[in-house]
Amino acid sequence: MAKEKYLIIGDGIAGATAAETLRSRDADSEIAIITNEGEPLYNRVMIKDYAKGEKEEDKCKIHDVKWYTDRRIDLHLYTTVAMVDDKNKVVICEDGSRFDYTKLLVATGGTPRKYPVPNGQADGVYNFWTFADARAIRAAAQEAKHGVAIGAGLLGIDLAVIFAKNKVPTKYIMRGNRWWREGINKEGSEIVEKALADMGVECLFFETPTEFRVDDRNHVRGLVTDKGKEYPADIVGVAIGLNMNLRPVASSNVKTGEGILCDQFLRTSVPDVWAAGDIAQYFDPLLNRLNINGSWASAKRQGEVAALNMLQASTGIGEPTPFEFVDTYTISHFKFPVMSVGNIMGDEFTEAVVGEGAYRRLVFKDNKLIGAVLIGDAKALPHLKKIVIGRIDCTNLKQEFLKADFDFKGLAASVKVNPA
């Protein structure tokens, strides 16, 4: 194997997994990671439990600096990339440092969007993405009297629950008529809304923030909406999506769309450059289209696949490894689970409440199950994942799937694939 200079931008789960995979199979080449964060890899899934006060900081950490040193991986903290010069194979950082590479992985992820209204960046208005965010939110929530959460998605509900768990009465503001409009209908949302109310979170629909009120120290004190209502708030959480961190490749020949465009092997348009994690907009053979999936499990597998393909390109041995992944996601804030598997955006779906406190949504493309959302019943999840992977024809099963006692396990048993 030729001695390579592997360079990774980003020390999230995608970047760190790639580095670990590279080192496990290449003992001699140089490996370096650049990250603008000030601490090594931690578990982004667990930091919400830290912010809720249910998990201590050490339980959220994955690697320390010694982990990288022991594996001869050069970790550069507090280092922000300014540009990738793919012609000369060098990465230039804001502090003037330069890193040569022979193989590059871009795993820069995204940055949470600020709410675009007056005083949207006031003190006390938080995004929730990094461990530093979690620490700041936990500390502020312990002192707060009134909270507001904004964003009707998976991170928005995390913020609402974090405030509530810290005993902050909270208004949860949503522009539409329900939580997670992409994933569930109103009946499904009502199951979640009741659980939130039991925690001390009031869901408010059809309202859009127009301004944050601040005091003379520029600290948030309230929220005004388009309904002319004003809600007191000394802590606000905003979760309205990500801006992808495309700046490093903006002046390069790497093609971008919503993220960095990749094939199913996570190769970009430029030789010797790969992408993984939130930033990767890859061709998904399961959906037969471009897709972005930066969930923790997906990003970890992407990091592994990108590393395997970097190694394959170095050795020329074997064939590239395609990235094919069926994701699962679980919200565990309540006495019941809220879960998804696969892709929840498809050509067709069926959905229904299938029992007290139980809801099911099945999503199809070309008459094949590509994803599902479940509330209240976890048993079907692994079987649904196997059915999605198996790509079986579900033409005559779409309504059958909504029967409370449907035998998903039996159907999954007919699929001859590994569900992992």
Protein backbone atom coordinates (compact mmCIF):
# COMPACT_ATOMS: atom_id res chain seq x y z
CA MET A 1 0.00 0.00 0.00
CA ALA A 2 1.28 3.45 -0.92
CA LYS A 3 1.88 5.72 2.05
CA GLU A 4 -0.97 8.22 2.02
CA LYS A 5 -1.75 11.51 3.69
CA TYR A 6 -5.36 11.06 4.76
CA LEU A 7 -6.97 14.33 5.81
CA ILE A 8 -10.43 14.56 7.41
CA ILE A 9 -12.33 17.81 7.93
CA GLY A 10 -14.68 17.28 10.86
CA ASP A 11 -14.44 15.21 14.04
CA GLY A 12 -18.07 14.21 14.33
CA ILE A 13 -19.04 10.57 14.25
CA ALA A 14 -18.50 10.38 10.46
CA GLY A 15 -15.01 11.87 10.56
CA ALA A 16 -13.85 10.04 13.69
CA THR A 17 -15.17 6.69 12.43
CA ALA A 18 -13.39 7.24 9.12
CA ALA A 19 -10.10 7.92 10.92
CA GLU A 20 -10.50 4.83 13.10
CA THR A 21 -11.32 2.66 10.06
CA LEU A 22 -8.35 3.99 8.12
CA ARG A 23 -5.92 3.35 10.94
CA SER A 24 -7.24 -0.15 11.60
CA ARG A 25 -6.37 -1.11 8.03
CA ASP A 26 -3.36 1.10 7.32
CA ALA A 27 -0.72 1.19 10.02
CA ASP A 28 1.76 3.44 8.22
CA SER A 29 0.00 6.30 6.46
CA GLU A 30 -0.51 9.75 7.99
CA ILE A 31 -3.99 10.58 9.29
CA ALA A 32 -5.06 14.05 10.43
CA ILE A 33 -8.39 15.50 11.54
CA ILE A 34 -9.25 19.21 11.51
CA THR A 35 -12.18 20.45 13.59
CA ASN A 36 -13.38 23.87 14.65
CA GLU A 37 -14.69 22.46 17.92
CA GLY A 38 -12.60 22.63 21.07
CA GLU A 39 -13.11 19.06 22.27
CA PRO A 40 -12.84 15.56 20.81
CA LEU A 41 -15.72 13.36 19.74
CA TYR A 42 -18.78 13.16 22.00
CA ASN A 43 -22.17 11.56 21.54
CA ARG A 44 -24.51 14.09 19.93
CA VAL A 45 -27.48 11.82 20.65
CA MET A 46 -26.79 11.75 24.38
CA ILE A 47 -26.20 15.46 24.93
CA LYS A 48 -29.96 16.04 25.08
CA ASP A 49 -30.04 13.75 28.11
CA TYR A 50 -27.23 15.80 29.64
CA ALA A 51 -29.18 19.01 28.97
CA LYS A 52 -32.27 17.46 30.59
CA GLY A 53 -30.21 16.78 33.69
CA GLU A 54 -30.53 13.01 33.28
CA LYS A 55 -26.96 12.17 32.29
CA GLU A 56 -23.62 13.47 33.48
CA GLU A 57 -21.04 14.96 31.16
CA ASP A 58 -18.54 12.08 31.25
CA LYS A 59 -21.20 9.65 30.02
CA CYS A 60 -21.56 11.70 26.81
CA LYS A 61 -17.88 11.67 25.88
CA ILE A 62 -16.51 9.10 23.46
CA HIS A 63 -12.87 9.98 22.79
CA ASP A 64 -10.26 11.97 24.64
CA VAL A 65 -7.09 13.45 23.14
CA LYS A 66 -5.11 10.37 24.19
CA TRP A 67 -7.34 8.18 22.00
CA TYR A 68 -6.08 10.02 18.93
CA THR A 69 -2.49 10.11 20.12
CA ASP A 70 -2.47 6.36 20.79
CA ARG A 71 -3.60 5.75 17.21
CA ARG A 72 -1.23 8.29 15.69
CA ILE A 73 -4.11 10.41 14.43
CA ASP A 74 -3.19 14.10 14.45
CA LEU A 75 -6.16 15.99 15.92
CA HIS A 76 -6.29 19.75 15.36
CA LEU A 77 -8.90 21.39 17.60
CA TYR A 78 -10.10 25.01 17.27
CA THR A 79 -9.11 24.95 13.59
CA THR A 80 -11.51 26.30 10.98
CA VAL A 81 -11.01 25.47 7.30
CA ALA A 82 -11.14 28.43 4.92
CA MET A 83 -10.80 26.59 1.62
CA VAL A 84 -9.95 23.35 -0.14
CA ASP A 85 -7.47 23.78 -2.99
CA ASP A 86 -8.16 20.52 -4.79
CA LYS A 87 -5.84 21.37 -7.69
CA ASN A 88 -2.81 21.41 -5.38
CA LYS A 89 -4.30 19.01 -2.82
CA VAL A 90 -3.99 21.36 0.12
CA VAL A 91 -6.45 22.59 2.75
CA ILE A 92 -5.96 26.16 3.97
CA CYS A 93 -7.27 27.23 7.38
CA GLU A 94 -8.34 30.60 8.72
CA ASP A 95 -5.27 30.78 10.98
CA GLY A 96 -2.99 30.38 7.96
CA SER A 97 -2.09 26.75 8.59
CA ARG A 98 -1.97 24.45 5.58
CA PHE A 99 -2.47 20.69 5.34
CA ASP A 100 -1.37 18.66 2.35
CA TYR A 101 -3.31 15.54 1.50
CA THR A 102 -3.45 12.67 -0.95
CA LYS A 103 -6.96 11.59 0.09
CA LEU A 104 -9.51 13.98 1.61
CA LEU A 105 -12.80 13.39 3.45
CA VAL A 106 -15.12 16.35 3.99
CA ALA A 107 -17.39 15.74 7.00
CA THR A 108 -18.14 19.32 7.97
CA GLY A 109 -21.83 18.85 8.77
CA GLY A 110 -24.08 21.87 9.20
CA THR A 111 -24.68 24.89 11.40
CA PRO A 112 -28.11 25.57 12.97
CA ARG A 113 -30.05 28.45 11.45
CA LYS A 114 -30.76 31.53 13.52
CA TYR A 115 -34.34 32.76 13.60
CA PRO A 116 -34.48 35.66 11.10
CA VAL A 117 -36.40 38.20 13.21
CA PRO A 118 -35.37 41.27 15.23
CA ASN A 119 -33.23 40.29 18.24
CA GLY A 120 -32.94 36.75 16.90
CA GLN A 121 -29.39 36.51 18.23
CA ALA A 122 -30.05 37.97 21.67
CA ASP A 123 -28.61 36.42 24.81
CA GLY A 124 -30.81 33.59 26.00
CA VAL A 125 -31.76 32.49 22.46
CA TYR A 126 -30.12 29.12 21.87
CA ASN A 127 -29.55 26.66 19.09
CA PHE A 128 -28.95 23.06 20.10
CA TRP A 129 -26.24 21.25 18.18
CA THR A 130 -22.94 20.97 20.08
CA PHE A 131 -21.94 19.90 23.57
CA ALA A 132 -21.15 23.55 24.27
CA ASP A 133 -24.78 24.36 23.38
CA ALA A 134 -26.01 21.64 25.73
CA ARG A 135 -23.93 22.97 28.62
CA ALA A 136 -25.14 26.52 28.07
CA ILE A 137 -28.80 25.47 27.78
CA ARG A 138 -28.67 23.29 30.89
CA ALA A 139 -27.13 26.07 32.96
CA ALA A 140 -29.57 28.71 31.68
CA ALA A 141 -32.63 26.46 32.05
CA GLN A 142 -31.87 25.89 35.72
CA GLU A 143 -32.34 29.64 36.29
CA ALA A 144 -35.13 30.36 33.79
CA LYS A 145 -38.75 31.16 34.68
CA HIS A 146 -40.38 30.99 31.25
CA GLY A 147 -39.32 29.05 28.16
CA VAL A 148 -40.22 29.08 24.48
CA ALA A 149 -39.27 26.35 21.99
CA ILE A 150 -39.50 26.98 18.24
CA GLY A 151 -39.36 24.34 15.52
CA ALA A 152 -41.85 21.53 14.89
CA GLY A 153 -39.28 18.84 14.26
CA LEU A 154 -37.07 16.33 16.02
CA LEU A 155 -34.70 18.90 17.54
CA GLY A 156 -37.49 21.30 18.42
CA ILE A 157 -39.20 18.73 20.60
CA ASP A 158 -35.85 18.01 22.28
CA LEU A 159 -35.62 21.66 23.29
CA ALA A 160 -39.18 21.75 24.61
CA VAL A 161 -38.58 18.65 26.71
CA ILE A 162 -35.18 19.89 27.94
CA PHE A 163 -36.83 23.05 29.27
CA ALA A 164 -39.64 21.08 30.87
CA LYS A 165 -37.28 18.61 32.52
CA ASN A 166 -35.51 21.59 34.07
CA LYS A 167 -38.90 22.67 35.49
CA VAL A 168 -39.34 25.59 33.09
CA PRO A 169 -42.98 26.17 32.01
CA THR A 170 -42.70 26.17 28.22
CA LYS A 171 -44.64 27.35 25.17
CA TYR A 172 -43.90 25.28 22.08
CA ILE A 173 -44.54 27.44 19.00
CA MET A 174 -45.35 25.83 15.63
CA ARG A 175 -46.38 27.41 12.32
CA GLY A 176 -48.57 24.49 11.24
CA ASN A 177 -51.33 22.50 12.88
CA ARG A 178 -49.15 19.78 14.46
CA TRP A 179 -45.73 18.58 15.48
CA TRP A 180 -43.55 16.86 12.83
CA ARG A 181 -45.78 17.51 9.84
CA GLU A 182 -43.42 15.51 7.59
CA GLY A 183 -43.79 12.38 9.69
CA ILE A 184 -47.26 12.10 11.23
CA ASN A 185 -50.84 13.31 10.91
CA LYS A 186 -52.81 15.33 13.46
CA GLU A 187 -54.07 12.24 15.27
CA GLY A 188 -50.52 11.02 15.73
CA SER A 189 -49.38 14.45 16.86
CA GLU A 190 -52.15 14.60 19.47
CA ILE A 191 -50.65 11.57 21.23
CA VAL A 192 -47.37 13.47 21.55
CA GLU A 193 -49.07 16.76 22.42
CA LYS A 194 -50.83 15.16 25.40
CA ALA A 195 -47.54 13.76 26.69
CA LEU A 196 -45.93 17.20 26.32
CA ALA A 197 -48.79 18.83 28.20
CA ASP A 198 -48.31 16.35 31.04
CA MET A 199 -44.69 17.59 31.24
CA GLY A 200 -45.67 21.26 31.36
CA VAL A 201 -45.26 22.09 27.67
CA GLU A 202 -48.13 23.93 25.94
CA CYS A 203 -48.22 23.43 22.18
CA LEU A 204 -49.34 26.51 20.22
CA PHE A 205 -50.19 26.10 16.54
CA PHE A 206 -50.53 28.44 13.55
CA GLU A 207 -48.21 31.02 15.10
CA THR A 208 -45.01 32.42 13.63
CA PRO A 209 -42.45 34.39 15.67
CA THR A 210 -41.98 37.98 14.48
CA GLU A 211 -39.75 39.48 17.15
CA PHE A 212 -37.91 38.71 20.38
CA ARG A 213 -38.28 41.26 23.16
CA VAL A 214 -35.05 42.05 25.02
CA ASP A 215 -34.05 44.00 28.12
CA ASP A 216 -31.36 46.68 28.33
CA ARG A 217 -28.71 43.96 28.56
CA ASN A 218 -29.89 42.42 25.28
CA HIS A 219 -31.22 39.35 27.08
CA VAL A 220 -34.41 37.83 25.74
CA ARG A 221 -37.52 38.57 27.79
CA GLY A 222 -40.35 37.63 25.47
CA LEU A 223 -41.56 36.50 22.07
CA VAL A 224 -44.07 38.26 19.80
CA THR A 225 -45.92 36.26 17.13
CA ASP A 226 -47.84 37.14 14.00
CA LYS A 227 -51.06 36.71 15.98
CA GLY A 228 -50.12 39.80 17.98
CA LYS A 229 -49.54 37.70 21.07
CA GLU A 230 -46.55 38.11 23.37
CA TYR A 231 -45.22 35.32 25.52
CA PRO A 232 -42.77 35.85 28.38
CA ALA A 233 -39.47 34.03 27.88
CA ASP A 234 -36.06 34.28 29.47
CA ILE A 235 -34.85 31.18 27.60
CA VAL A 236 -35.67 30.36 23.96
CA GLY A 237 -34.65 27.33 21.92
CA VAL A 238 -34.62 27.52 18.11
CA ALA A 239 -34.49 24.45 15.85
CA ILE A 240 -35.44 25.40 12.29
CA GLY A 241 -32.90 23.39 10.31
CA LEU A 242 -29.27 23.51 9.25
CA ASN A 243 -27.17 25.51 6.86
CA MET A 244 -24.72 23.05 5.35
CA ASN A 245 -21.07 23.97 5.90
CA LEU A 246 -20.15 24.21 2.23
CA ARG A 247 -17.75 27.13 2.57
CA PRO A 248 -14.59 24.95 2.60
CA VAL A 249 -15.34 23.66 -0.91
CA ALA A 250 -16.92 26.85 -2.31
CA SER A 251 -13.87 27.77 -4.40
CA SER A 252 -12.97 24.18 -5.30
CA ASN A 253 -14.17 21.97 -8.15
CA VAL A 254 -16.29 19.90 -5.77
CA LYS A 255 -19.88 20.03 -7.02
CA THR A 256 -22.57 20.92 -4.52
CA GLY A 257 -26.35 20.98 -4.29
CA GLU A 258 -28.06 21.11 -0.95
CA GLY A 259 -24.93 19.38 0.31
CA ILE A 260 -21.81 17.96 -1.34
CA LEU A 261 -22.92 15.83 -4.28
CA CYS A 262 -21.68 12.22 -4.10
CA ASP A 263 -22.23 8.92 -5.82
CA GLN A 264 -23.32 5.82 -3.92
CA PHE A 265 -19.68 5.27 -2.91
CA LEU A 266 -19.54 8.76 -1.31
CA ARG A 267 -17.08 9.95 -3.97
CA THR A 268 -17.40 13.60 -4.95
CA SER A 269 -16.92 15.07 -8.41
CA VAL A 270 -13.20 15.55 -7.66
CA PRO A 271 -10.81 12.59 -7.58
CA ASP A 272 -9.46 11.69 -4.14
CA VAL A 273 -12.20 13.66 -2.33
CA TRP A 274 -15.07 11.99 -0.44
CA ALA A 275 -17.88 13.33 1.76
CA ALA A 276 -19.79 11.83 4.70
CA GLY A 277 -22.35 12.77 7.34
CA ASP A 278 -24.85 15.65 7.21
CA ILE A 279 -22.94 17.31 4.38
CA ALA A 280 -23.11 14.34 1.98
CA GLN A 281 -25.87 14.44 -0.63
CA TYR A 282 -25.38 10.94 -1.97
CA PHE A 283 -27.08 8.71 -4.49
CA ASP A 284 -29.29 6.32 -2.56
CA PRO A 285 -29.89 3.09 -4.49
CA LEU A 286 -32.75 2.14 -2.16
CA LEU A 287 -34.64 5.28 -3.21
CA ASN A 288 -33.07 5.66 -6.67
CA ARG A 289 -32.39 9.35 -6.03
CA LEU A 290 -30.15 11.74 -4.15
CA ASN A 291 -30.60 11.71 -0.39
CA ILE A 292 -29.21 13.35 2.75
CA ASN A 293 -29.20 11.40 6.00
CA GLY A 294 -26.90 12.64 8.71
CA SER A 295 -28.43 10.77 11.64
CA TRP A 296 -25.92 9.34 14.10
CA ALA A 297 -26.10 5.75 12.86
CA SER A 298 -26.13 6.78 9.21
CA ALA A 299 -23.20 9.18 9.64
CA LYS A 300 -21.18 6.51 11.43
CA ARG A 301 -21.71 4.03 8.60
CA GLN A 302 -20.94 6.73 6.03
CA GLY A 303 -17.62 7.42 7.75
CA GLU A 304 -16.77 3.74 7.62
CA VAL A 305 -17.78 3.37 3.95
CA ALA A 306 -15.88 6.52 2.91
CA ALA A 307 -12.75 5.20 4.65
CA LEU A 308 -13.05 1.79 3.01
CA ASN A 309 -13.33 3.47 -0.38
CA MET A 310 -10.36 5.74 0.33
CA LEU A 311 -8.37 2.61 1.13
CA GLN A 312 -9.65 0.84 -1.98
CA ALA A 313 -8.63 3.80 -4.13
CA SER A 314 -5.17 3.68 -2.56
CA THR A 315 -4.61 -0.04 -3.09
CA GLY A 316 -6.60 -0.63 -6.25
CA ILE A 317 -7.65 -3.95 -4.73
CA GLY A 318 -11.28 -5.07 -4.90
CA GLU A 319 -14.30 -2.93 -5.67
CA PRO A 320 -15.65 0.19 -3.95
CA THR A 321 -18.18 -0.34 -1.16
CA PRO A 322 -21.61 1.18 -1.80
CA PHE A 323 -23.37 3.08 0.97
CA GLU A 324 -26.74 1.42 1.51
CA PHE A 325 -28.37 2.08 4.84
CA VAL A 326 -31.82 1.88 6.36
CA ASP A 327 -31.88 4.16 9.37
CA THR A 328 -33.89 3.93 12.57
CA TYR A 329 -34.58 6.80 14.95
CA THR A 330 -36.18 6.77 18.39
CA ILE A 331 -37.47 9.58 20.60
CA SER A 332 -37.47 8.34 24.17
CA HIS A 333 -38.73 11.39 26.05
CA PHE A 334 -42.06 9.81 26.97
CA LYS A 335 -43.47 6.66 28.53
CA PHE A 336 -44.07 5.47 24.96
CA PRO A 337 -41.56 5.48 22.07
CA VAL A 338 -41.79 7.55 18.91
CA MET A 339 -39.83 5.79 16.17
CA SER A 340 -39.07 5.95 12.49
CA VAL A 341 -37.39 3.59 10.09
CA GLY A 342 -36.13 4.28 6.58
CA ASN A 343 -37.33 7.26 4.59
CA ILE A 344 -40.56 9.00 5.58
CA MET A 345 -40.92 10.91 2.28
CA GLY A 346 -42.43 8.79 -0.50
CA ASP A 347 -44.95 8.70 -3.32
CA GLU A 348 -47.71 7.22 -1.17
CA PHE A 349 -48.50 6.50 2.45
CA THR A 350 -51.13 4.98 4.66
CA GLU A 351 -51.60 5.91 8.31
CA ALA A 352 -53.95 5.42 11.22
CA VAL A 353 -54.29 5.29 14.97
CA VAL A 354 -54.11 1.53 15.59
CA GLY A 355 -54.94 1.42 19.28
CA GLU A 356 -55.02 3.59 22.36
CA GLY A 357 -51.90 5.74 22.25
CA ALA A 358 -50.61 3.88 19.18
CA TYR A 359 -50.14 5.26 15.68
CA ARG A 360 -48.67 3.83 12.50
CA ARG A 361 -47.63 5.44 9.21
CA LEU A 362 -46.27 3.38 6.29
CA VAL A 363 -44.52 5.06 3.36
CA PHE A 364 -44.21 3.53 -0.12
CA LYS A 365 -42.42 4.14 -3.38
CA ASP A 366 -43.13 2.03 -6.46
CA ASN A 367 -45.29 -0.19 -4.23
CA LYS A 368 -42.37 -1.02 -1.97
CA LEU A 369 -42.17 -0.03 1.68
CA ILE A 370 -39.41 2.57 2.09
CA GLY A 371 -40.13 3.83 5.60
CA ALA A 372 -42.45 3.97 8.58
CA VAL A 373 -43.29 5.97 11.68
CA LEU A 374 -44.54 4.26 14.82
CA ILE A 375 -45.87 5.70 18.06
CA GLY A 376 -46.41 3.48 21.04
CA ASP A 377 -45.46 0.06 19.65
CA ALA A 378 -41.77 -0.76 19.33
CA LYS A 379 -42.08 -4.45 18.48
CA ALA A 380 -42.66 -3.93 14.77
CA LEU A 381 -39.61 -1.71 14.19
CA PRO A 382 -36.91 -4.34 13.45
CA HIS A 383 -39.31 -6.28 11.22
CA LEU A 384 -40.24 -3.16 9.27
CA LYS A 385 -36.56 -2.43 8.77
CA LYS A 386 -36.05 -5.87 7.27
CA ILE A 387 -39.06 -5.41 4.99
CA VAL A 388 -37.66 -2.09 3.76
CA ILE A 389 -34.27 -3.66 3.05
CA GLY A 390 -35.91 -6.57 1.25
CA ARG A 391 -37.77 -4.28 -1.18
CA ILE A 392 -40.70 -6.64 -1.41
CA ASP A 393 -43.86 -5.78 -3.36
CA CYS A 394 -46.44 -4.44 -0.91
CA THR A 395 -49.19 -3.66 -3.42
CA ASN A 396 -51.79 -5.79 -1.66
CA LEU A 397 -50.59 -5.09 1.87
CA LYS A 398 -50.88 -1.33 2.26
CA GLN A 399 -54.14 -1.37 4.17
CA GLU A 400 -53.34 -4.66 5.89
CA PHE A 401 -50.33 -2.96 7.50
CA LEU A 402 -52.73 -0.74 9.45
CA LYS A 403 -54.38 -3.63 11.27
CA ALA A 404 -53.32 -3.55 14.91
CA ASP A 405 -52.47 -7.27 14.88
CA PHE A 406 -50.70 -7.42 11.49
CA ASP A 407 -47.89 -10.00 11.57
CA PHE A 408 -44.86 -7.91 10.55
CA LYS A 409 -42.56 -10.55 12.04
CA GLY A 410 -44.02 -13.23 9.80
CA LEU A 411 -43.69 -11.08 6.68
CA ALA A 412 -40.12 -10.12 7.57
CA ALA A 413 -39.22 -13.79 7.95
CA SER A 414 -39.75 -14.22 4.21
CA VAL A 415 -37.07 -11.62 3.45
CA LYS A 416 -33.71 -13.31 2.95
CA VAL A 417 -31.41 -10.45 3.93
CA ASN A 418 -29.37 -9.43 6.92
CA PRO A 419 -31.38 -6.70 8.73
CA ALA A 420 -28.25 -5.05 10.17
